């Protein structure tokens, strides 16, 4: 009986604990999202360029440093980081749908249902946009197994980081 009670207690405690969070994708800039302001995406139009963060406005979350264009955006992020951080720890959403962790390009982004998604190349964006809801469904199904794996160490193809902006 004690063994059964201990097993039930252990199971209930493990269910109450947060799931293991994978690592954010961080490129050679040393910042998540290549130093771009993740809060600013939510204020941009769909075809507007990502906003570079500034080295003077940073915050740490999920093992990575994020940069912001303003103190106000940094403070919004600190208050609710999961609401602004890119899905799949900054990895390419279509790559996750296909079962892998590859870098997300901060210039290839979409807000879908209030969430930030990145993709790796222009070609991949085309595949992603053919069926965004279906790709998100596949990504969500794959993410459970992918999240605990190490973040991608690959560079973003055809991308030269220009953020964050120095003080």
C-alpha atoms as a PDB file:
ATOM      1  CA  UNK A   1       0.000   0.000   0.000  1.00  0.00           C
ATOM      2  CA  UNK A   2       2.864   2.403   0.830  1.00  0.00           C
ATOM      3  CA  UNK A   3       4.473   1.693  -2.537  1.00  0.00           C
ATOM      4  CA  UNK A   4       1.229   2.527  -4.333  1.00  0.00           C
ATOM      5  CA  UNK A   5       0.749   5.727  -2.292  1.00  0.00           C
ATOM      6  CA  UNK A   6       4.358   6.748  -2.993  1.00  0.00           C
ATOM      7  CA  UNK A   7       3.883   6.098  -6.710  1.00  0.00           C
ATOM      8  CA  UNK A   8       0.703   8.172  -6.795  1.00  0.00           C
ATOM      9  CA  UNK A   9       2.414  10.999  -4.875  1.00  0.00           C
ATOM     10  CA  UNK A  10       5.421  10.966  -7.199  1.00  0.00           C
ATOM     11  CA  UNK A  11       3.175  11.005 -10.263  1.00  0.00           C
ATOM     12  CA  UNK A  12       1.099  13.906  -8.949  1.00  0.00           C
ATOM     13  CA  UNK A  13       4.212  15.923  -8.068  1.00  0.00           C
ATOM     14  CA  UNK A  14       5.749  15.335 -11.503  1.00  0.00           C
ATOM     15  CA  UNK A  15       2.534  16.426 -13.199  1.00  0.00           C
ATOM     16  CA  UNK A  16       2.469  19.623 -11.158  1.00  0.00           C
ATOM     17  CA  UNK A  17       6.047  20.575 -12.036  1.00  0.00           C
ATOM     18  CA  UNK A  18       6.739  22.640 -15.162  1.00  0.00           C
ATOM     19  CA  UNK A  19       7.880  20.768 -18.250  1.00  0.00           C
ATOM     20  CA  UNK A  20      11.574  20.915 -19.121  1.00  0.00           C
ATOM     21  CA  UNK A  21      12.189  23.935 -21.307  1.00  0.00           C
ATOM     22  CA  UNK A  22      14.553  23.613 -24.228  1.00  0.00           C
ATOM     23  CA  UNK A  23      17.211  26.173 -25.035  1.00  0.00           C
ATOM     24  CA  UNK A  24      16.532  29.296 -27.077  1.00  0.00           C
ATOM     25  CA  UNK A  25      18.260  29.523 -30.434  1.00  0.00           C
ATOM     26  CA  UNK A  26      21.110  32.025 -30.015  1.00  0.00           C
ATOM     27  CA  UNK A  27      23.345  32.929 -32.953  1.00  0.00           C
ATOM     28  CA  UNK A  28      26.747  34.617 -33.092  1.00  0.00           C
ATOM     29  CA  UNK A  29      25.281  37.853 -31.704  1.00  0.00           C
ATOM     30  CA  UNK A  30      24.899  36.110 -28.344  1.00  0.00           C
ATOM     31  CA  UNK A  31      21.222  37.113 -28.259  1.00  0.00           C
ATOM     32  CA  UNK A  32      17.945  35.298 -28.850  1.00  0.00           C
ATOM     33  CA  UNK A  33      16.257  36.278 -32.132  1.00  0.00           C
ATOM     34  CA  UNK A  34      19.599  37.681 -33.304  1.00  0.00           C
ATOM     35  CA  UNK A  35      19.158  40.658 -31.004  1.00  0.00           C
ATOM     36  CA  UNK A  36      15.808  41.808 -32.429  1.00  0.00           C
ATOM     37  CA  UNK A  37      13.048  43.191 -30.215  1.00  0.00           C
ATOM     38  CA  UNK A  38      10.455  40.417 -29.823  1.00  0.00           C
ATOM     39  CA  UNK A  39       7.882  42.799 -28.331  1.00  0.00           C
ATOM     40  CA  UNK A  40       8.103  45.133 -31.338  1.00  0.00           C
ATOM     41  CA  UNK A  41       6.895  42.389 -33.715  1.00  0.00           C
ATOM     42  CA  UNK A  42       3.467  42.607 -32.121  1.00  0.00           C
ATOM     43  CA  UNK A  43       3.192  46.291 -33.055  1.00  0.00           C
ATOM     44  CA  UNK A  44       4.351  45.874 -36.685  1.00  0.00           C
ATOM     45  CA  UNK A  45       2.405  45.350 -39.866  1.00  0.00           C
ATOM     46  CA  UNK A  46       2.931  42.005 -41.608  1.00  0.00           C
ATOM     47  CA  UNK A  47       5.438  43.299 -44.159  1.00  0.00           C
ATOM     48  CA  UNK A  48       7.400  45.597 -41.864  1.00  0.00           C
ATOM     49  CA  UNK A  49      11.015  44.867 -40.976  1.00  0.00           C
ATOM     50  CA  UNK A  50      12.006  43.417 -37.627  1.00  0.00           C
ATOM     51  CA  UNK A  51      13.178  46.033 -35.139  1.00  0.00           C
ATOM     52  CA  UNK A  52      16.763  45.699 -33.881  1.00  0.00           C
ATOM     53  CA  UNK A  53      17.115  45.701 -30.124  1.00  0.00           C
ATOM     54  CA  UNK A  54      19.577  47.918 -28.283  1.00  0.00           C
ATOM     55  CA  UNK A  55      22.359  46.521 -26.096  1.00  0.00           C
ATOM     56  CA  UNK A  56      21.310  48.896 -23.288  1.00  0.00           C
ATOM     57  CA  UNK A  57      17.825  47.320 -22.980  1.00  0.00           C
ATOM     58  CA  UNK A  58      18.122  43.604 -22.261  1.00  0.00           C
ATOM     59  CA  UNK A  59      16.490  40.854 -20.241  1.00  0.00           C
ATOM     60  CA  UNK A  60      17.348  37.217 -19.551  1.00  0.00           C
ATOM     61  CA  UNK A  61      14.745  34.495 -20.053  1.00  0.00           C
ATOM     62  CA  UNK A  62      14.873  30.763 -20.726  1.00  0.00           C
ATOM     63  CA  UNK A  63      18.661  30.806 -20.605  1.00  0.00           C
ATOM     64  CA  UNK A  64      19.076  33.514 -23.243  1.00  0.00           C
ATOM     65  CA  UNK A  65      19.567  37.255 -23.448  1.00  0.00           C
ATOM     66  CA  UNK A  66      16.928  39.260 -25.336  1.00  0.00           C
ATOM     67  CA  UNK A  67      17.454  42.837 -26.578  1.00  0.00           C
ATOM     68  CA  UNK A  68      14.764  45.503 -26.937  1.00  0.00           C
ATOM     69  CA  UNK A  69      14.393  48.824 -28.732  1.00  0.00           C
ATOM     70  CA  UNK A  70      13.184  50.573 -25.588  1.00  0.00           C
ATOM     71  CA  UNK A  71      12.925  50.202 -21.830  1.00  0.00           C
ATOM     72  CA  UNK A  72       9.147  50.061 -22.225  1.00  0.00           C
ATOM     73  CA  UNK A  73       9.374  47.002 -24.521  1.00  0.00           C
ATOM     74  CA  UNK A  74      11.864  45.355 -22.159  1.00  0.00           C
ATOM     75  CA  UNK A  75       9.474  45.915 -19.268  1.00  0.00           C
ATOM     76  CA  UNK A  76       6.528  44.480 -21.238  1.00  0.00           C
ATOM     77  CA  UNK A  77       8.632  41.391 -21.947  1.00  0.00           C
ATOM     78  CA  UNK A  78       9.725  40.987 -18.322  1.00  0.00           C
ATOM     79  CA  UNK A  79       6.087  41.139 -17.217  1.00  0.00           C
ATOM     80  CA  UNK A  80       5.023  38.378 -19.623  1.00  0.00           C
ATOM     81  CA  UNK A  81       7.951  36.765 -21.498  1.00  0.00           C
ATOM     82  CA  UNK A  82       6.072  33.729 -22.805  1.00  0.00           C
ATOM     83  CA  UNK A  83       3.581  36.042 -24.522  1.00  0.00           C
ATOM     84  CA  UNK A  84       6.323  37.629 -26.643  1.00  0.00           C
ATOM     85  CA  UNK A  85       9.063  35.022 -27.084  1.00  0.00           C
ATOM     86  CA  UNK A  86       9.029  33.231 -30.429  1.00  0.00           C
ATOM     87  CA  UNK A  87       7.450  29.821 -30.595  1.00  0.00           C
ATOM     88  CA  UNK A  88       9.722  26.775 -30.546  1.00  0.00           C
ATOM     89  CA  UNK A  89      12.487  28.664 -28.725  1.00  0.00           C
ATOM     90  CA  UNK A  90      13.250  30.740 -31.816  1.00  0.00           C
ATOM     91  CA  UNK A  91      13.713  27.757 -34.125  1.00  0.00           C
ATOM     92  CA  UNK A  92      12.107  27.635 -37.571  1.00  0.00           C
ATOM     93  CA  UNK A  93       8.421  26.776 -37.228  1.00  0.00           C
ATOM     94  CA  UNK A  94       8.370  24.842 -40.505  1.00  0.00           C
ATOM     95  CA  UNK A  95      11.514  22.957 -39.498  1.00  0.00           C
ATOM     96  CA  UNK A  96       9.763  21.875 -36.306  1.00  0.00           C
ATOM     97  CA  UNK A  97       6.746  20.799 -38.383  1.00  0.00           C
ATOM     98  CA  UNK A  98       9.136  18.598 -40.367  1.00  0.00           C
ATOM     99  CA  UNK A  99      10.712  17.173 -37.213  1.00  0.00           C
ATOM    100  CA  UNK A 100      13.905  19.179 -36.645  1.00  0.00           C
ATOM    101  CA  UNK A 101      15.436  22.147 -34.866  1.00  0.00           C
ATOM    102  CA  UNK A 102      16.928  24.611 -37.332  1.00  0.00           C
ATOM    103  CA  UNK A 103      17.510  28.349 -36.812  1.00  0.00           C
ATOM    104  CA  UNK A 104      14.762  30.913 -37.178  1.00  0.00           C
ATOM    105  CA  UNK A 105      15.522  34.057 -39.170  1.00  0.00           C
ATOM    106  CA  UNK A 106      14.274  37.205 -37.370  1.00  0.00           C
ATOM    107  CA  UNK A 107      13.449  38.816 -40.722  1.00  0.00           C
ATOM    108  CA  UNK A 108      11.101  35.963 -41.727  1.00  0.00           C
ATOM    109  CA  UNK A 109       8.319  36.206 -39.202  1.00  0.00           C
ATOM    110  CA  UNK A 110       4.551  36.030 -38.760  1.00  0.00           C
ATOM    111  CA  UNK A 111       2.199  36.642 -35.867  1.00  0.00           C
ATOM    112  CA  UNK A 112      -0.502  33.954 -35.924  1.00  0.00           C
ATOM    113  CA  UNK A 113      -3.187  33.876 -33.247  1.00  0.00           C
ATOM    114  CA  UNK A 114      -1.113  36.181 -31.055  1.00  0.00           C
ATOM    115  CA  UNK A 115       2.087  34.111 -31.284  1.00  0.00           C
ATOM    116  CA  UNK A 116       5.403  34.879 -32.988  1.00  0.00           C
ATOM    117  CA  UNK A 117       6.702  32.314 -35.493  1.00  0.00           C
ATOM    118  CA  UNK A 118      10.039  32.472 -37.331  1.00  0.00           C
ATOM    119  CA  UNK A 119      11.193  30.590 -40.429  1.00  0.00           C
ATOM    120  CA  UNK A 120      14.656  29.922 -41.816  1.00  0.00           C
ATOM    121  CA  UNK A 121      14.599  30.987 -45.516  1.00  0.00           C
ATOM    122  CA  UNK A 122      12.290  32.661 -48.045  1.00  0.00           C
ATOM    123  CA  UNK A 123      11.673  29.265 -49.703  1.00  0.00           C
ATOM    124  CA  UNK A 124      10.614  27.772 -46.396  1.00  0.00           C
ATOM    125  CA  UNK A 125       8.239  30.691 -45.795  1.00  0.00           C
ATOM    126  CA  UNK A 126       6.437  29.637 -48.988  1.00  0.00           C
ATOM    127  CA  UNK A 127       5.968  26.080 -47.696  1.00  0.00           C
ATOM    128  CA  UNK A 128       4.929  27.368 -44.271  1.00  0.00           C
ATOM    129  CA  UNK A 129       2.315  29.689 -45.738  1.00  0.00           C
ATOM    130  CA  UNK A 130       0.766  26.976 -47.932  1.00  0.00           C
ATOM    131  CA  UNK A 131      -0.903  25.594 -44.800  1.00  0.00           C
ATOM    132  CA  UNK A 132      -0.133  27.583 -41.669  1.00  0.00           C
ATOM    133  CA  UNK A 133      -2.796  25.902 -39.471  1.00  0.00           C
ATOM    134  CA  UNK A 134      -1.700  22.425 -40.591  1.00  0.00           C
ATOM    135  CA  UNK A 135       1.963  23.275 -40.110  1.00  0.00           C
ATOM    136  CA  UNK A 136       1.283  24.613 -36.616  1.00  0.00           C
ATOM    137  CA  UNK A 137      -0.578  21.396 -35.773  1.00  0.00           C
ATOM    138  CA  UNK A 138       2.402  19.330 -36.946  1.00  0.00           C
ATOM    139  CA  UNK A 139       4.851  21.608 -35.129  1.00  0.00           C
ATOM    140  CA  UNK A 140       2.936  21.319 -31.869  1.00  0.00           C
ATOM    141  CA  UNK A 141       2.857  17.517 -32.169  1.00  0.00           C
ATOM    142  CA  UNK A 142       6.613  17.360 -32.877  1.00  0.00           C
ATOM    143  CA  UNK A 143       7.662  19.955 -30.304  1.00  0.00           C
ATOM    144  CA  UNK A 144       7.083  17.677 -27.313  1.00  0.00           C
ATOM    145  CA  UNK A 145       9.936  15.437 -28.462  1.00  0.00           C
ATOM    146  CA  UNK A 146      12.133  18.203 -29.859  1.00  0.00           C
ATOM    147  CA  UNK A 147      11.987  20.760 -27.040  1.00  0.00           C
ATOM    148  CA  UNK A 148      14.334  18.948 -24.617  1.00  0.00           C
ATOM    149  CA  UNK A 149      17.000  18.576 -27.325  1.00  0.00           C
ATOM    150  CA  UNK A 150      19.849  21.066 -27.505  1.00  0.00           C
ATOM    151  CA  UNK A 151      19.244  24.257 -29.456  1.00  0.00           C
ATOM    152  CA  UNK A 152      20.476  24.358 -33.022  1.00  0.00           C
ATOM    153  CA  UNK A 153      24.090  25.460 -33.325  1.00  0.00           C
ATOM    154  CA  UNK A 154      23.780  26.193 -37.046  1.00  0.00           C
ATOM    155  CA  UNK A 155      24.077  29.699 -38.476  1.00  0.00           C
ATOM    156  CA  UNK A 156      21.079  31.243 -40.210  1.00  0.00           C
ATOM    157  CA  UNK A 157      21.605  30.763 -43.970  1.00  0.00           C
ATOM    158  CA  UNK A 158      22.048  33.904 -46.071  1.00  0.00           C
ATOM    159  CA  UNK A 159      21.747  36.141 -43.017  1.00  0.00           C
ATOM    160  CA  UNK A 160      24.163  38.655 -41.520  1.00  0.00           C
ATOM    161  CA  UNK A 161      23.021  39.760 -38.049  1.00  0.00           C
ATOM    162  CA  UNK A 162      22.862  43.512 -37.536  1.00  0.00           C
ATOM    163  CA  UNK A 163      21.486  43.681 -34.012  1.00  0.00           C
ATOM    164  CA  UNK A 164      21.548  44.563 -31.249  1.00  0.00           C
ATOM    165  CA  UNK A 165      22.530  48.169 -31.701  1.00  0.00           C
ATOM    166  CA  UNK A 166      25.411  49.168 -29.408  1.00  0.00           C
ATOM    167  CA  UNK A 167      24.899  51.886 -26.819  1.00  0.00           C
END
